Amino acid sequence: MASQVAAQAPAAADIPANNSRLAKILERGVLRVGTTGDFNPMSFRDTATNSYQGYDIEAVTALAADLKVEIEWVSAEWATITTGIAADRFDIFSGASVSVARARVAAFSIPYTEAGTVPLGLASAADRFNSWAAINEAGVRVAVSQGTVFEDQARQHFPNTTIQAVQSPATGFQEVLSGRADVTITSNVEAATLVAKYPELKVLVPSAEQRNKRPFAYVVDQNDPVWLNFINTWVSLRRIEGFYAALDAKWLGKA
């Protein structure tokens, strides 16, 4: 369902005369945004209102407002981000960590923030899993969401463990809480949110031992340089204005 974010649609003179997604978005007056709604604090469902909330949601809402168009939220899964773009299900994905695998089949905008990967487990097991090496033992069960960068990272860092790639709506941290897994890995920003919500969870290594630091960027069609250029220009301007610094402070607790 589309949500109203601007009162005035773009004038016909403001619509570029080409076949880019930018032209199509302005012509139809709707920006279709793919998002998963399962990555707090970036994109998550507010159960009280059944609406999307988070860092990425606030950012793309501002993008739609600057375009003077409405937003249509399109439910997506991590494993099908790039196919959703290629199949024209949505115009932009609300934000993802940059990876070479994804970049082979889709385009990334310039980055707007960054995060690192940390292991997360039960606080009661923190002494046992107090390092990356301690986790990488036979018999340890590591759960990750299928199709995410964390699945690839888990296989890289924990070759001796049993990797459990779970399909949405299941998540790695839920597998840990239920006792079906010992450890999961996720971004340090999501881990901080989860620990605050579930005190039985704990980040298992010090902050300085984060791995796989990655930028976050928007995902768009790699065959549409006009649309990619517009997104890059918009991100550049918003970064200089301090928009993303404010989101970092609000949602990620960065000073």
C-alpha atoms as a PDB file:
ATOM      1  CA  MET A   1       0.000   0.000   0.000  1.00  0.00           C
ATOM      2  CA  ALA A   2       1.300   3.435  -0.911  1.00  0.00           C
ATOM      3  CA  SER A   3       1.760   6.013   1.817  1.00  0.00           C
ATOM      4  CA  GLN A   4       1.439   9.744   1.249  1.00  0.00           C
ATOM      5  CA  VAL A   5       4.711  11.571   1.865  1.00  0.00           C
ATOM      6  CA  ALA A   6       4.338  14.679  -0.279  1.00  0.00           C
ATOM      7  CA  ALA A   7       1.457  16.953  -1.144  1.00  0.00           C
ATOM      8  CA  GLN A   8       2.626  18.084  -4.562  1.00  0.00           C
ATOM      9  CA  ALA A   9       3.515  15.732  -7.425  1.00  0.00           C
ATOM     10  CA  PRO A  10       6.424  16.622  -9.730  1.00  0.00           C
ATOM     11  CA  ALA A  11       5.515  18.806 -12.699  1.00  0.00           C
ATOM     12  CA  ALA A  12       5.716  17.276 -16.169  1.00  0.00           C
ATOM     13  CA  ALA A  13       8.665  19.540 -16.970  1.00  0.00           C
ATOM     14  CA  ASP A  14      10.575  17.965 -14.062  1.00  0.00           C
ATOM     15  CA  ILE A  15      10.275  14.418 -15.448  1.00  0.00           C
ATOM     16  CA  PRO A  16      13.343  13.398 -17.505  1.00  0.00           C
ATOM     17  CA  ALA A  17      12.654  12.394 -21.103  1.00  0.00           C
ATOM     18  CA  ASN A  18      14.184   8.928 -20.943  1.00  0.00           C
ATOM     19  CA  ASN A  19      13.278   5.376 -19.997  1.00  0.00           C
ATOM     20  CA  SER A  20      15.057   5.362 -16.644  1.00  0.00           C
ATOM     21  CA  ARG A  21      13.448   4.243 -13.411  1.00  0.00           C
ATOM     22  CA  LEU A  22      13.700   7.824 -12.242  1.00  0.00           C
ATOM     23  CA  ALA A  23      11.421   8.926 -15.087  1.00  0.00           C
ATOM     24  CA  LYS A  24       8.990   6.074 -14.403  1.00  0.00           C
ATOM     25  CA  ILE A  25       8.885   6.832 -10.661  1.00  0.00           C
ATOM     26  CA  LEU A  26       8.149  10.504 -11.264  1.00  0.00           C
ATOM     27  CA  GLU A  27       5.552   9.697 -13.909  1.00  0.00           C
ATOM     28  CA  ARG A  28       3.578   7.249 -11.764  1.00  0.00           C
ATOM     29  CA  GLY A  29       4.122   9.243  -8.561  1.00  0.00           C
ATOM     30  CA  VAL A  30       5.167   6.202  -6.532  1.00  0.00           C
ATOM     31  CA  LEU A  31       8.544   4.947  -5.297  1.00  0.00           C
ATOM     32  CA  ARG A  32       8.474   1.177  -4.743  1.00  0.00           C
ATOM     33  CA  VAL A  33      10.783   0.294  -1.852  1.00  0.00           C
ATOM     34  CA  GLY A  34      11.797  -3.271  -1.040  1.00  0.00           C
ATOM     35  CA  THR A  35      12.484  -3.972   2.624  1.00  0.00           C
ATOM     36  CA  THR A  36      12.580  -7.010   4.908  1.00  0.00           C
ATOM     37  CA  GLY A  37      11.275  -5.545   8.153  1.00  0.00           C
ATOM     38  CA  ASP A  38      13.403  -7.960  10.191  1.00  0.00           C
ATOM     39  CA  PHE A  39      16.625  -6.000  10.754  1.00  0.00           C
ATOM     40  CA  ASN A  40      16.226  -3.802  13.812  1.00  0.00           C
ATOM     41  CA  PRO A  41      17.134  -0.906  14.024  1.00  0.00           C
ATOM     42  CA  MET A  42      17.425  -0.481  10.245  1.00  0.00           C
ATOM     43  CA  SER A  43      14.065  -1.883   9.095  1.00  0.00           C
ATOM     44  CA  PHE A  44      11.528  -3.485  11.415  1.00  0.00           C
ATOM     45  CA  ARG A  45       7.792  -3.813  11.964  1.00  0.00           C
ATOM     46  CA  ASP A  46       6.123  -1.752  14.672  1.00  0.00           C
ATOM     47  CA  THR A  47       3.663  -4.313  16.033  1.00  0.00           C
ATOM     48  CA  ALA A  48       1.409  -1.605  17.468  1.00  0.00           C
ATOM     49  CA  THR A  49       0.837   0.069  14.101  1.00  0.00           C
ATOM     50  CA  ASN A  50       1.908  -2.754  11.734  1.00  0.00           C
ATOM     51  CA  SER A  51       4.082  -0.207   9.948  1.00  0.00           C
ATOM     52  CA  TYR A  52       7.750  -0.212   9.012  1.00  0.00           C
ATOM     53  CA  GLN A  53      10.118   1.722  11.260  1.00  0.00           C
ATOM     54  CA  GLY A  54      13.869   2.247  11.533  1.00  0.00           C
ATOM     55  CA  TYR A  55      16.928   4.005  10.181  1.00  0.00           C
ATOM     56  CA  ASP A  56      16.495   2.889   6.569  1.00  0.00           C
ATOM     57  CA  ILE A  57      12.749   3.489   6.645  1.00  0.00           C
ATOM     58  CA  GLU A  58      13.211   7.069   7.813  1.00  0.00           C
ATOM     59  CA  ALA A  59      15.868   7.668   5.156  1.00  0.00           C
ATOM     60  CA  VAL A  60      13.914   6.373   2.155  1.00  0.00           C
ATOM     61  CA  THR A  61      10.818   8.204   3.384  1.00  0.00           C
ATOM     62  CA  ALA A  62      12.872  11.398   3.107  1.00  0.00           C
ATOM     63  CA  LEU A  63      13.997  10.310  -0.370  1.00  0.00           C
ATOM     64  CA  ALA A  64      10.380   9.913  -1.484  1.00  0.00           C
ATOM     65  CA  ALA A  65       9.515  13.307  -0.019  1.00  0.00           C
ATOM     66  CA  ASP A  66      12.327  14.941  -1.984  1.00  0.00           C
ATOM     67  CA  LEU A  67      11.080  13.190  -5.125  1.00  0.00           C
ATOM     68  CA  LYS A  68       7.546  14.431  -4.302  1.00  0.00           C
ATOM     69  CA  VAL A  69       6.122  10.924  -4.668  1.00  0.00           C
ATOM     70  CA  GLU A  70       4.382   8.375  -2.462  1.00  0.00           C
ATOM     71  CA  ILE A  71       5.997   5.191  -1.135  1.00  0.00           C
ATOM     72  CA  GLU A  72       4.822   1.670  -1.839  1.00  0.00           C
ATOM     73  CA  TRP A  73       6.483  -0.744   0.593  1.00  0.00           C
ATOM     74  CA  VAL A  74       7.268  -4.118  -0.975  1.00  0.00           C
ATOM     75  CA  SER A  75       7.993  -7.020   1.373  1.00  0.00           C
ATOM     76  CA  ALA A  76      11.310  -8.634   0.452  1.00  0.00           C
ATOM     77  CA  GLU A  77      13.660 -11.340   1.703  1.00  0.00           C
ATOM     78  CA  TRP A  78      17.426 -11.121   1.981  1.00  0.00           C
ATOM     79  CA  ALA A  79      17.942 -14.062  -0.360  1.00  0.00           C
ATOM     80  CA  THR A  80      15.964 -12.377  -3.155  1.00  0.00           C
ATOM     81  CA  ILE A  81      17.059  -8.726  -2.984  1.00  0.00           C
ATOM     82  CA  THR A  82      18.838  -8.752  -6.326  1.00  0.00           C
ATOM     83  CA  THR A  83      16.214 -10.853  -8.102  1.00  0.00           C
ATOM     84  CA  GLY A  84      13.535  -8.478  -6.830  1.00  0.00           C
ATOM     85  CA  ILE A  85      15.390  -5.571  -8.415  1.00  0.00           C
ATOM     86  CA  ALA A  86      15.953  -7.492 -11.674  1.00  0.00           C
ATOM     87  CA  ALA A  87      12.297  -8.570 -11.840  1.00  0.00           C
ATOM     88  CA  ASP A  88      11.152  -4.949 -11.364  1.00  0.00           C
ATOM     89  CA  ARG A  89       9.287  -5.739  -8.123  1.00  0.00           C
ATOM     90  CA  PHE A  90      10.727  -2.609  -6.531  1.00  0.00           C
ATOM     91  CA  ASP A  91      12.827   0.382  -7.585  1.00  0.00           C
ATOM     92  CA  ILE A  92      15.243   0.398  -4.669  1.00  0.00           C
ATOM     93  CA  PHE A  93      16.051  -1.799  -1.705  1.00  0.00           C
ATOM     94  CA  SER A  94      15.946   0.108   1.560  1.00  0.00           C
ATOM     95  CA  GLY A  95      19.560  -0.639   2.484  1.00  0.00           C
ATOM     96  CA  ALA A  96      21.975  -3.563   2.706  1.00  0.00           C
ATOM     97  CA  SER A  97      25.594  -4.266   3.506  1.00  0.00           C
ATOM     98  CA  VAL A  98      27.762  -4.191   0.409  1.00  0.00           C
ATOM     99  CA  SER A  99      29.029  -7.531  -0.874  1.00  0.00           C
ATOM    100  CA  VAL A 100      30.841  -8.668  -4.003  1.00  0.00           C
ATOM    101  CA  ALA A 101      28.226 -11.360  -4.639  1.00  0.00           C
ATOM    102  CA  ARG A 102      25.389  -8.832  -4.697  1.00  0.00           C
ATOM    103  CA  ALA A 103      27.438  -6.358  -6.730  1.00  0.00           C
ATOM    104  CA  ARG A 104      27.749  -8.932  -9.519  1.00  0.00           C
ATOM    105  CA  VAL A 105      24.041  -8.644 -10.301  1.00  0.00           C
ATOM    106  CA  ALA A 106      22.919  -5.294  -8.868  1.00  0.00           C
ATOM    107  CA  ALA A 107      24.330  -1.822  -8.286  1.00  0.00           C
ATOM    108  CA  PHE A 108      25.123  -0.264  -4.927  1.00  0.00           C
ATOM    109  CA  SER A 109      24.872   3.431  -4.217  1.00  0.00           C
ATOM    110  CA  ILE A 110      27.636   5.242  -2.403  1.00  0.00           C
ATOM    111  CA  PRO A 111      27.594   4.204   1.286  1.00  0.00           C
ATOM    112  CA  TYR A 112      25.654   6.077   3.937  1.00  0.00           C
ATOM    113  CA  THR A 113      26.831   4.261   7.104  1.00  0.00           C
ATOM    114  CA  GLU A 114      28.809   1.184   8.156  1.00  0.00           C
ATOM    115  CA  ALA A 115      28.748  -1.690  10.619  1.00  0.00           C
ATOM    116  CA  GLY A 116      30.793  -4.703  11.683  1.00  0.00           C
ATOM    117  CA  THR A 117      29.927  -8.323  12.443  1.00  0.00           C
ATOM    118  CA  VAL A 118      29.810  -9.766  15.960  1.00  0.00           C
ATOM    119  CA  PRO A 119      28.816 -13.160  17.396  1.00  0.00           C
ATOM    120  CA  LEU A 120      25.761 -13.242  19.633  1.00  0.00           C
ATOM    121  CA  GLY A 121      24.793 -15.957  22.094  1.00  0.00           C
ATOM    122  CA  LEU A 122      23.220 -16.625  25.451  1.00  0.00           C
ATOM    123  CA  ALA A 123      24.815 -14.728  28.318  1.00  0.00           C
ATOM    124  CA  SER A 124      24.917 -18.000  30.241  1.00  0.00           C
ATOM    125  CA  ALA A 125      27.280 -19.424  27.593  1.00  0.00           C
ATOM    126  CA  ALA A 126      29.528 -16.357  27.320  1.00  0.00           C
ATOM    127  CA  ASP A 127      32.450 -17.976  29.155  1.00  0.00           C
ATOM    128  CA  ARG A 128      32.418 -20.916  26.740  1.00  0.00           C
ATOM    129  CA  PHE A 129      32.187 -18.781  23.575  1.00  0.00           C
ATOM    130  CA  ASN A 130      34.453 -15.891  24.571  1.00  0.00           C
ATOM    131  CA  SER A 131      36.320 -15.586  21.254  1.00  0.00           C
ATOM    132  CA  TRP A 132      35.896 -16.277  17.549  1.00  0.00           C
ATOM    133  CA  ALA A 133      38.252 -19.250  17.916  1.00  0.00           C
ATOM    134  CA  ALA A 134      36.278 -20.699  20.829  1.00  0.00           C
ATOM    135  CA  ILE A 135      33.129 -20.703  18.700  1.00  0.00           C
ATOM    136  CA  ASN A 136      34.847 -22.490  15.805  1.00  0.00           C
ATOM    137  CA  GLU A 137      34.652 -25.957  17.332  1.00  0.00           C
ATOM    138  CA  ALA A 138      32.991 -29.160  16.168  1.00  0.00           C
ATOM    139  CA  GLY A 139      29.505 -29.551  17.579  1.00  0.00           C
ATOM    140  CA  VAL A 140      28.821 -25.828  17.909  1.00  0.00           C
ATOM    141  CA  ARG A 141      25.631 -24.790  16.088  1.00  0.00           C
ATOM    142  CA  VAL A 142      25.733 -21.401  14.352  1.00  0.00           C
ATOM    143  CA  ALA A 143      22.405 -20.113  13.014  1.00  0.00           C
ATOM    144  CA  VAL A 144      22.167 -17.366  10.384  1.00  0.00           C
ATOM    145  CA  SER A 145      19.452 -16.039   8.091  1.00  0.00           C
ATOM    146  CA  GLN A 146      19.644 -17.665   4.678  1.00  0.00           C
ATOM    147  CA  GLY A 147      20.811 -15.453   1.834  1.00  0.00           C
ATOM    148  CA  THR A 148      22.404 -12.796   4.028  1.00  0.00           C
ATOM    149  CA  VAL A 149      26.054 -11.780   4.079  1.00  0.00           C
ATOM    150  CA  PHE A 150      26.160 -13.385   7.524  1.00  0.00           C
ATOM    151  CA  GLU A 151      25.623 -16.826   6.018  1.00  0.00           C
ATOM    152  CA  ASP A 152      28.774 -16.416   3.916  1.00  0.00           C
ATOM    153  CA  GLN A 153      30.693 -14.951   6.853  1.00  0.00           C
ATOM    154  CA  ALA A 154      29.670 -17.797   9.165  1.00  0.00           C
ATOM    155  CA  ARG A 155      30.993 -20.356   6.695  1.00  0.00           C
ATOM    156  CA  GLN A 156      34.213 -18.346   6.413  1.00  0.00           C
ATOM    157  CA  HIS A 157      34.839 -17.891  10.138  1.00  0.00           C
ATOM    158  CA  PHE A 158      33.438 -21.147  11.519  1.00  0.00           C
ATOM    159  CA  PRO A 159      34.370 -24.009   9.152  1.00  0.00           C
ATOM    160  CA  ASN A 160      34.442 -26.516  12.015  1.00  0.00           C
ATOM    161  CA  THR A 161      30.918 -25.777  13.236  1.00  0.00           C
ATOM    162  CA  THR A 162      27.484 -26.788  12.015  1.00  0.00           C
ATOM    163  CA  ILE A 163      26.007 -23.866  10.058  1.00  0.00           C
ATOM    164  CA  GLN A 164      22.212 -23.639  10.199  1.00  0.00           C
ATOM    165  CA  ALA A 165      20.870 -21.313   7.489  1.00  0.00           C
ATOM    166  CA  VAL A 166      17.280 -20.536   8.461  1.00  0.00           C
ATOM    167  CA  GLN A 167      14.613 -19.139   6.170  1.00  0.00           C
ATOM    168  CA  SER A 168      12.584 -16.018   6.884  1.00  0.00           C
ATOM    169  CA  PRO A 169      10.613 -15.340   9.036  1.00  0.00           C
ATOM    170  CA  ALA A 170      12.918 -17.380  11.303  1.00  0.00           C
ATOM    171  CA  THR A 171      16.086 -15.576  12.415  1.00  0.00           C
ATOM    172  CA  GLY A 172      19.414 -16.583  13.889  1.00  0.00           C
ATOM    173  CA  PHE A 173      18.842 -14.933  17.252  1.00  0.00           C
ATOM    174  CA  GLN A 174      15.471 -16.678  17.629  1.00  0.00           C
ATOM    175  CA  GLU A 175      17.213 -20.001  17.070  1.00  0.00           C
ATOM    176  CA  VAL A 176      19.641 -19.136  19.869  1.00  0.00           C
ATOM    177  CA  LEU A 177      16.862 -18.068  22.238  1.00  0.00           C
ATOM    178  CA  SER A 178      14.957 -21.291  21.554  1.00  0.00           C
ATOM    179  CA  GLY A 179      18.023 -23.467  22.201  1.00  0.00           C
ATOM    180  CA  ARG A 180      18.152 -24.770  18.632  1.00  0.00           C
ATOM    181  CA  ALA A 181      21.489 -22.996  18.071  1.00  0.00           C
ATOM    182  CA  ASP A 182      24.411 -21.900  20.220  1.00  0.00           C
ATOM    183  CA  VAL A 183      25.530 -18.764  18.386  1.00  0.00           C
ATOM    184  CA  THR A 184      24.434 -16.408  15.645  1.00  0.00           C
ATOM    185  CA  ILE A 185      26.289 -13.572  13.963  1.00  0.00           C
ATOM    186  CA  THR A 186      24.873 -10.217  12.961  1.00  0.00           C
ATOM    187  CA  SER A 187      25.838  -6.569  12.683  1.00  0.00           C
ATOM    188  CA  ASN A 188      26.969  -4.777  15.796  1.00  0.00           C
ATOM    189  CA  VAL A 189      24.056  -2.344  15.384  1.00  0.00           C
ATOM    190  CA  GLU A 190      21.399  -5.062  15.381  1.00  0.00           C
ATOM    191  CA  ALA A 191      23.205  -6.924  18.178  1.00  0.00           C
ATOM    192  CA  ALA A 192      23.023  -3.867  20.448  1.00  0.00           C
ATOM    193  CA  THR A 193      19.275  -3.607  19.841  1.00  0.00           C
ATOM    194  CA  LEU A 194      18.730  -7.314  20.497  1.00  0.00           C
ATOM    195  CA  VAL A 195      20.721  -7.314  23.740  1.00  0.00           C
ATOM    196  CA  ALA A 196      18.691  -4.353  24.992  1.00  0.00           C
ATOM    197  CA  LYS A 197      15.456  -6.186  24.186  1.00  0.00           C
ATOM    198  CA  TYR A 198      16.528  -9.677  25.286  1.00  0.00           C
ATOM    199  CA  PRO A 199      18.812  -9.471  28.353  1.00  0.00           C
ATOM    200  CA  GLU A 200      19.490 -13.204  28.126  1.00  0.00           C
ATOM    201  CA  LEU A 201      21.552 -12.492  24.985  1.00  0.00           C
ATOM    202  CA  LYS A 202      25.107 -11.161  24.943  1.00  0.00           C
ATOM    203  CA  VAL A 203      27.660 -10.017  22.372  1.00  0.00           C
ATOM    204  CA  LEU A 204      30.391 -12.612  22.825  1.00  0.00           C
ATOM    205  CA  VAL A 205      33.496 -10.608  21.848  1.00  0.00           C
ATOM    206  CA  PRO A 206      34.739  -7.078  22.625  1.00  0.00           C
ATOM    207  CA  SER A 207      33.771  -4.287  20.229  1.00  0.00           C
ATOM    208  CA  ALA A 208      37.371  -4.030  19.014  1.00  0.00           C
ATOM    209  CA  GLU A 209      37.134  -7.605  17.700  1.00  0.00           C
ATOM    210  CA  GLN A 210      34.366  -6.943  15.183  1.00  0.00           C
ATOM    211  CA  ARG A 211      34.985  -8.565  11.823  1.00  0.00           C
ATOM    212  CA  ASN A 212      33.868  -7.946   8.249  1.00  0.00           C
ATOM    213  CA  LYS A 213      33.296  -4.229   8.586  1.00  0.00           C
ATOM    214  CA  ARG A 214      31.069  -3.277   5.676  1.00  0.00           C
ATOM    215  CA  PRO A 215      29.429  -0.136   4.344  1.00  0.00           C
ATOM    216  CA  PHE A 216      25.655   0.039   4.003  1.00  0.00           C
ATOM    217  CA  ALA A 217      24.222   1.261   0.707  1.00  0.00           C
ATOM    218  CA  TYR A 218      21.060   1.254  -1.385  1.00  0.00           C
ATOM    219  CA  VAL A 219      20.571  -1.486  -3.984  1.00  0.00           C
ATOM    220  CA  VAL A 220      19.298  -0.561  -7.457  1.00  0.00           C
ATOM    221  CA  ASP A 221      19.306  -1.878 -11.022  1.00  0.00           C
ATOM    222  CA  GLN A 222      22.862  -2.034 -12.372  1.00  0.00           C
ATOM    223  CA  ASN A 223      21.579  -1.311 -15.901  1.00  0.00           C
ATOM    224  CA  ASP A 224      20.154   2.100 -14.997  1.00  0.00           C
ATOM    225  CA  PRO A 225      22.936   4.694 -14.572  1.00  0.00           C
ATOM    226  CA  VAL A 226      20.446   7.587 -14.509  1.00  0.00           C
ATOM    227  CA  TRP A 227      18.659   6.233 -11.425  1.00  0.00           C
ATOM    228  CA  LEU A 228      21.934   5.252  -9.730  1.00  0.00           C
ATOM    229  CA  ASN A 229      23.385   8.713 -10.386  1.00  0.00           C
ATOM    230  CA  PHE A 230      20.319  10.354  -8.856  1.00  0.00           C
ATOM    231  CA  ILE A 231      20.549   8.188  -5.716  1.00  0.00           C
ATOM    232  CA  ASN A 232      24.278   8.883  -5.370  1.00  0.00           C
ATOM    233  CA  THR A 233      23.681  12.611  -5.742  1.00  0.00           C
ATOM    234  CA  TRP A 234      20.900  12.525  -3.153  1.00  0.00           C
ATOM    235  CA  VAL A 235      23.008  10.569  -0.640  1.00  0.00           C
ATOM    236  CA  SER A 236      25.959  12.939  -1.148  1.00  0.00           C
ATOM    237  CA  LEU A 237      23.823  16.007  -0.491  1.00  0.00           C
ATOM    238  CA  ARG A 238      22.111  14.476   2.526  1.00  0.00           C
ATOM    239  CA  ARG A 239      25.422  13.395   4.051  1.00  0.00           C
ATOM    240  CA  ILE A 240      26.854  16.904   3.745  1.00  0.00           C
ATOM    241  CA  GLU A 241      23.694  18.335   5.328  1.00  0.00           C
ATOM    242  CA  GLY A 242      24.163  16.078   8.372  1.00  0.00           C
ATOM    243  CA  PHE A 243      21.037  14.014   7.709  1.00  0.00           C
ATOM    244  CA  TYR A 244      22.817  10.667   8.026  1.00  0.00           C
ATOM    245  CA  ALA A 245      24.835  11.795  11.034  1.00  0.00           C
ATOM    246  CA  ALA A 246      21.526  12.534  12.760  1.00  0.00           C
ATOM    247  CA  LEU A 247      20.204   9.073  11.833  1.00  0.00           C
ATOM    248  CA  ASP A 248      23.430   7.495  13.123  1.00  0.00           C
ATOM    249  CA  ALA A 249      22.913   9.245  16.454  1.00  0.00           C
ATOM    250  CA  LYS A 250      19.191   8.477  16.680  1.00  0.00           C
ATOM    251  CA  TRP A 251      19.174   4.830  15.631  1.00  0.00           C
ATOM    252  CA  LEU A 252      22.747   3.580  16.123  1.00  0.00           C
ATOM    253  CA  GLY A 253      23.840   5.593  19.140  1.00  0.00           C
ATOM    254  CA  LYS A 254      26.844   7.043  17.340  1.00  0.00           C
ATOM    255  CA  ALA A 255      28.179  10.324  18.688  1.00  0.00           C
END
